[in-house]
Protein backbone atom coordinates (compact mmCIF):
# COMPACT_ATOMS: atom_id res chain seq x y z
CA MET A 1 50.23 85.39 103.09
CA SER A 2 47.86 86.09 100.21
CA ARG A 3 46.94 83.75 97.31
CA GLU A 4 49.86 83.21 94.96
CA GLU A 5 49.84 84.96 91.52
CA PRO A 6 50.28 82.80 88.51
CA SER A 7 53.75 82.52 87.32
CA VAL A 8 54.73 84.03 84.02
CA LEU A 9 56.47 80.82 83.05
CA ALA A 10 53.38 78.70 83.57
CA PRO A 11 52.02 77.14 80.28
CA ALA A 12 48.84 78.69 78.76
CA ARG A 13 45.68 76.71 78.73
CA GLY A 14 44.90 74.78 75.40
CA LEU A 15 42.26 75.93 72.79
CA SER A 16 38.90 74.37 72.72
CA PRO A 17 37.87 72.10 69.71
CA LEU A 18 35.63 74.85 68.31
CA GLY A 19 38.43 77.29 68.27
CA ILE A 20 40.67 74.85 66.44
CA THR A 21 38.03 74.32 63.69
CA ILE A 22 37.52 78.05 63.20
CA SER A 23 41.24 78.62 63.01
CA VAL A 24 41.68 75.90 60.35
CA GLY A 25 38.78 77.30 58.29
CA VAL A 26 40.15 80.83 58.36
CA LEU A 27 43.58 79.57 57.40
CA ALA A 28 42.15 77.56 54.42
CA PHE A 29 40.15 80.58 53.21
CA LEU A 30 43.24 82.74 53.25
CA CYS A 31 45.19 80.10 51.32
CA GLY A 32 42.42 79.93 48.66
CA ILE A 33 42.45 83.69 48.19
CA ALA A 34 46.21 83.62 47.82
CA ALA A 35 46.03 80.82 45.21
CA LEU A 36 43.31 82.64 43.22
CA GLY A 37 45.38 85.78 43.13
CA LEU A 38 48.36 83.79 41.90
CA ILE A 39 46.27 82.26 39.05
CA VAL A 40 44.95 85.67 37.98
CA ARG A 41 48.46 87.04 37.86
CA MET A 42 49.69 84.08 35.74
CA ASN A 43 46.77 84.43 33.21
CA GLY A 44 47.46 88.09 32.59
CA GLY A 45 44.71 89.49 34.74
CA THR A 46 41.97 87.03 33.68
CA LEU A 47 40.55 84.16 35.58
CA TRP A 48 40.23 81.66 32.68
CA SER A 49 42.81 80.74 30.07
CA ASP A 50 42.33 81.21 26.27
CA SER A 51 41.97 77.46 25.62
CA VAL A 52 39.11 77.21 28.09
CA GLU A 53 37.38 80.19 26.47
CA GLU A 54 37.77 78.66 22.98
CA VAL A 55 36.27 75.39 24.17
CA ALA A 56 33.36 77.30 25.67
CA GLU A 57 32.80 79.26 22.44
CA GLN A 58 32.89 76.09 20.33
CA SER A 59 30.35 74.42 22.58
CA VAL A 60 28.01 77.39 22.15
CA GLN A 61 28.27 77.57 18.29
CA PRO A 62 25.45 75.80 16.36
CA PRO A 63 26.35 72.53 14.56
CA THR A 64 27.19 72.88 10.86
CA GLU A 65 26.03 70.48 8.10
CA ALA A 66 28.46 67.70 7.24
CA GLN A 67 30.06 68.23 3.85
CA PRO A 68 30.48 65.17 1.58
CA ILE A 69 33.96 63.86 1.39
CA VAL A 70 35.18 63.92 -2.18
CA PRO A 71 37.93 61.38 -2.73
CA ASP A 72 41.04 62.73 -4.24
CA LEU A 73 41.57 61.56 -7.83
CA PRO A 74 44.88 59.94 -8.64
CA PRO A 75 47.40 62.31 -10.15
CA GLY A 76 47.08 62.66 -13.92
CA THR A 77 43.38 61.67 -13.96
CA ASP A 78 41.05 64.01 -15.84
CA LEU A 79 37.58 63.86 -17.37
CA ALA A 80 38.85 62.76 -20.76
CA THR A 81 40.65 59.79 -19.23
CA LEU A 82 37.57 58.84 -17.24
CA ASN A 83 35.38 59.02 -20.36
CA ALA A 84 37.82 56.85 -22.27
CA ARG A 85 37.79 54.26 -19.50
CA GLU A 86 34.00 54.33 -19.41
CA GLN A 87 33.81 53.73 -23.15
CA ALA A 88 36.31 50.87 -22.88
CA LEU A 89 34.23 49.25 -20.14
CA ALA A 90 31.07 49.69 -22.21
CA THR A 91 32.78 48.02 -25.17
CA ARG A 92 33.84 45.08 -23.02
CA LEU A 93 30.31 44.72 -21.69
CA ASP A 94 28.97 44.66 -25.25
CA VAL A 95 31.47 41.95 -26.17
CA ILE A 96 30.47 39.88 -23.14
CA GLU A 97 26.78 40.28 -23.96
CA GLY A 98 27.45 39.20 -27.54
CA ARG A 99 29.26 36.08 -26.34
CA LEU A 100 26.42 35.24 -23.97
CA SER A 101 23.92 35.64 -26.80
CA ALA A 102 26.03 33.37 -28.99
CA VAL A 103 26.19 30.74 -26.25
CA ASP A 104 22.42 30.93 -25.80
CA SER A 105 21.87 30.60 -29.54
CA ASP A 106 24.26 27.64 -29.70
CA SER A 107 22.40 25.91 -26.89
CA ARG A 108 19.08 26.41 -28.66
CA VAL A 109 20.50 25.08 -31.92
CA ALA A 110 21.96 22.07 -30.12
CA GLY A 111 18.60 21.44 -28.45
CA ALA A 112 16.85 21.61 -31.81
CA TYR A 113 19.26 19.11 -33.35
CA ALA A 114 18.86 16.81 -30.36
CA ALA A 115 15.08 16.95 -30.71
CA ARG A 116 15.39 16.20 -34.42
CA ALA A 117 17.66 13.23 -33.76
CA GLU A 118 15.23 11.88 -31.17
CA GLY A 119 12.32 12.17 -33.61
CA LEU A 120 14.28 10.41 -36.36
CA MET A 121 15.20 7.57 -34.02
CA ILE A 122 11.54 7.07 -33.11
CA ALA A 123 10.46 7.14 -36.77
CA PHE A 124 13.16 4.70 -37.89
CA ALA A 125 12.42 2.33 -35.01
CA THR A 126 8.73 2.38 -35.95
CA ARG A 127 9.49 1.57 -39.60
CA ARG A 128 11.82 -1.25 -38.60
CA LEU A 129 9.17 -2.85 -36.40
CA LEU A 130 6.48 -2.53 -39.07
CA ASP A 131 8.73 -4.00 -41.76
CA ARG A 132 9.33 -7.02 -39.54
CA GLY A 133 5.68 -7.34 -38.56
CA LEU A 134 6.43 -6.86 -34.85
CA PRO A 135 4.35 -4.92 -32.27
CA LEU A 136 5.49 -1.41 -31.46
CA GLY A 137 5.82 -2.00 -27.71
CA ALA A 138 7.54 0.88 -25.94
CA VAL A 139 7.88 2.78 -29.23
CA ASP A 140 4.10 3.22 -29.22
CA GLU A 141 4.23 5.63 -26.27
CA GLN A 142 7.17 7.53 -27.74
CA LEU A 143 5.40 7.80 -31.09
CA ARG A 144 2.21 9.15 -29.54
CA ALA A 145 4.07 11.58 -27.27
CA ARG A 146 6.28 12.89 -30.05
CA PHE A 147 3.89 13.10 -33.02
CA GLY A 148 0.41 12.51 -31.59
CA ASP A 149 -0.47 16.20 -31.30
CA THR A 150 0.90 17.38 -34.64
CA HIS A 151 0.16 14.30 -36.80
CA PRO A 152 -2.70 12.41 -35.13
CA ASP A 153 -4.00 10.72 -38.31
CA ALA A 154 -0.60 9.37 -39.27
CA VAL A 155 0.00 8.04 -35.76
CA ALA A 156 -3.43 6.37 -35.68
CA THR A 157 -2.77 4.71 -39.06
CA ILE A 158 0.59 3.38 -37.90
CA VAL A 159 -0.87 2.04 -34.66
CA ARG A 160 -3.66 0.22 -36.53
CA ALA A 161 -1.15 -1.22 -38.98
CA ALA A 162 1.00 -2.47 -36.10
CA GLU A 163 -2.00 -4.23 -34.56
CA ASP A 164 -2.54 -6.20 -37.81
CA PRO A 165 0.88 -6.06 -39.48
CA VAL A 166 1.42 -6.75 -43.18
CA THR A 167 4.91 -7.37 -44.55
CA LEU A 168 6.26 -7.65 -48.07
CA GLU A 169 6.80 -11.35 -47.53
CA ASP A 170 3.13 -11.75 -46.59
CA LEU A 171 2.06 -10.01 -49.81
CA ARG A 172 4.40 -12.12 -51.94
CA LEU A 173 3.20 -15.40 -50.47
CA ALA A 174 -0.45 -14.40 -50.79
CA LEU A 175 0.05 -13.33 -54.42
CA ASP A 176 1.66 -16.66 -55.25
CA ALA A 177 -1.33 -18.42 -53.69
CA ILE A 178 -3.98 -16.50 -55.65
CA GLY A 179 -1.96 -16.14 -58.86
CA PRO A 180 -3.68 -18.96 -60.82
CA ARG A 181 -7.16 -17.66 -59.98
CA LEU A 182 -6.18 -14.12 -60.91
CA ALA A 183 -5.20 -15.28 -64.40
CA ALA A 184 -8.16 -17.70 -64.78
CA GLY A 185 -10.89 -15.08 -64.69
CA ALA A 186 -13.63 -13.74 -62.49
CA PRO A 187 -15.98 -16.12 -60.66
CA GLY A 188 -19.19 -16.80 -62.63
CA GLU A 189 -17.59 -15.92 -65.94
CA GLY A 190 -19.57 -17.40 -68.81
CA PRO A 191 -18.12 -19.51 -71.65
CA TRP A 192 -18.52 -16.76 -74.23
CA SER A 193 -16.76 -14.20 -72.02
CA ARG A 194 -13.97 -16.64 -71.36
CA ILE A 195 -13.47 -17.42 -75.05
CA ARG A 196 -13.44 -13.71 -75.88
CA ARG A 197 -10.88 -12.99 -73.22
CA LEU A 198 -8.63 -15.80 -74.44
CA ALA A 199 -8.92 -14.52 -77.99
CA ASP A 200 -7.92 -11.05 -76.88
CA ASP A 201 -4.86 -12.52 -75.22
CA LEU A 202 -3.86 -14.32 -78.44
CA VAL A 203 -3.88 -11.21 -80.62
CA VAL A 204 -2.34 -8.17 -78.91
CA LEU A 205 -1.26 -5.04 -80.74
CA ARG A 206 1.19 -2.96 -78.74
CA GLN A 207 4.50 -1.20 -78.99
CA GLU A 208 7.60 -3.19 -78.38
CA THR A 209 8.57 -1.19 -75.30
CA SER A 210 5.08 -1.18 -73.71
CA PRO A 211 4.28 -3.86 -71.08
CA GLY A 212 2.16 -6.80 -72.14
CA PRO A 213 -1.49 -6.72 -71.01
CA ARG A 214 -1.89 -10.49 -70.65
CA PRO A 215 -2.70 -11.74 -67.12
CA ALA A 216 0.45 -13.84 -67.01
CA ASP A 217 2.59 -10.81 -67.85
CA ARG A 218 0.81 -8.69 -65.25
CA LEU A 219 1.30 -11.36 -62.61
CA THR A 220 5.01 -11.56 -63.42
CA ARG A 221 5.39 -7.80 -63.19
CA ALA A 222 3.44 -7.71 -59.91
CA ARG A 223 5.80 -10.25 -58.37
CA ARG A 224 8.84 -8.37 -59.59
CA MET A 225 7.52 -5.11 -58.17
CA LEU A 226 6.85 -6.72 -54.81
CA ASP A 227 10.42 -7.93 -54.73
CA ALA A 228 11.50 -4.30 -55.26
CA GLY A 229 9.18 -3.05 -52.51
CA GLN A 230 6.87 -1.23 -54.97
CA VAL A 231 3.55 -2.31 -53.51
CA GLU A 232 1.53 0.44 -55.19
CA ALA A 233 2.70 -0.60 -58.66
CA ALA A 234 2.03 -4.26 -57.86
CA LEU A 235 -1.47 -3.37 -56.69
CA ALA A 236 -2.10 -1.52 -59.96
CA GLU A 237 -1.10 -4.60 -61.96
CA VAL A 238 -3.25 -6.94 -59.88
CA SER A 239 -6.24 -4.60 -60.14
CA HIS A 240 -6.26 -5.02 -63.96
CA MET A 241 -6.24 -8.81 -63.86
CA PRO A 242 -9.44 -10.75 -64.71
CA GLY A 243 -9.61 -12.60 -61.41
CA ILE A 244 -9.42 -9.50 -59.22
CA ASP A 245 -12.51 -10.65 -57.31
CA TYR A 246 -10.44 -13.49 -55.87
CA ALA A 247 -7.88 -11.02 -54.54
CA GLU A 248 -10.10 -8.95 -52.24
CA ASN A 249 -8.15 -9.85 -49.09
CA TRP A 250 -4.84 -9.31 -50.84
CA VAL A 251 -5.94 -5.91 -52.12
CA ASN A 252 -7.06 -4.84 -48.63
CA ALA A 253 -3.76 -5.99 -47.13
CA ALA A 254 -1.81 -4.14 -49.81
CA LYS A 255 -3.82 -0.96 -49.17
CA ARG A 256 -3.11 -1.19 -45.42
CA TYR A 257 0.58 -1.64 -46.18
CA ILE A 258 0.59 1.40 -48.47
CA ALA A 259 -1.32 3.57 -45.97
CA ALA A 260 1.08 2.62 -43.15
CA ARG A 261 4.12 3.50 -45.27
CA ARG A 262 2.63 6.83 -46.26
CA ALA A 263 2.01 7.60 -42.60
CA LEU A 264 5.58 6.59 -41.84
CA GLY A 265 6.82 8.92 -44.55
CA GLU A 266 4.86 11.78 -42.99
CA ILE A 267 6.31 11.02 -39.56
CA GLU A 268 9.85 10.78 -40.92
CA LEU A 269 9.49 14.10 -42.74
CA ALA A 270 8.21 15.76 -39.56
CA ALA A 271 11.12 14.27 -37.62
CA MET A 272 13.65 15.59 -40.14
CA GLN A 273 12.16 19.08 -40.00
CA GLY A 274 11.93 18.94 -36.21
CA PRO A 275 9.65 21.08 -34.01
CA GLY A 276 12.55 23.38 -33.13
CA ALA A 277 14.75 23.01 -36.16
CA PRO A 278 17.13 25.97 -36.44
CA THR A 279 16.46 28.35 -39.29
CA ALA A 280 19.08 29.68 -41.67
CA THR A 281 18.98 33.07 -39.94
CA ALA A 282 19.66 31.54 -36.53
CA ARG A 283 22.58 29.52 -37.90
CA ALA A 284 24.02 32.64 -39.55
CA GLU A 285 23.76 34.61 -36.31
CA THR A 286 25.51 31.81 -34.46
CA THR A 287 28.45 31.70 -36.86
CA GLN A 288 29.02 35.45 -36.64
């Protein structure tokens, strides 16, 4: 018996791995073609949709310049209203500037008055110490700092007077001590000169209201004037007395007293005026 033929019902032999791969690839390619055809049919015969084309066109267009964003004005706002508001703001600014100027002027006026008060306090303290015959102490520095540059001579006179103080009481006591010699006559006066002077004192022709020229009358008036603080008038009376040569020290002391008080008057006047005293114009501007 010959070799048996294969049976029709026998199972076919399996595909090789290469055949399987090729079959899968062909099947995937066919599926892709079918899907592409479906997409073309859905887009009306074109491959890409309109939105994709618009995006592509926008990406190709050159960039445009950015336009400034103008804020929308509130309803009912026009140029006339804006101009009116601008003028109102300008008016308010002018008012504020005027108030600031007034405040600045007030501060300067207050500073000037404060400086004047300080100067007056220094001047009055200096006079008080000199009248009592006391040293200036701490007032000396304040006096030099305040008035040394503008009134150096007056300050120097006051300082010298404070170093060797002379009071009204000192002048009164010294005048009482030298009074008899002032009325007696000058030293070395001869007998004839003395007799002539006494004769002149006996017969005096003058008006009733005029002061008497006799030494005793002059001495009385000098004492009365010292009591009133009128040292210059007392010095004038003593200078006309016959024994003036005995009063050299008293005359020098009286002159120092007068010079110190004149210097004090100059300092007090400068303190009242003040270095920054407000003028009438500045005060008028402040009150407006």
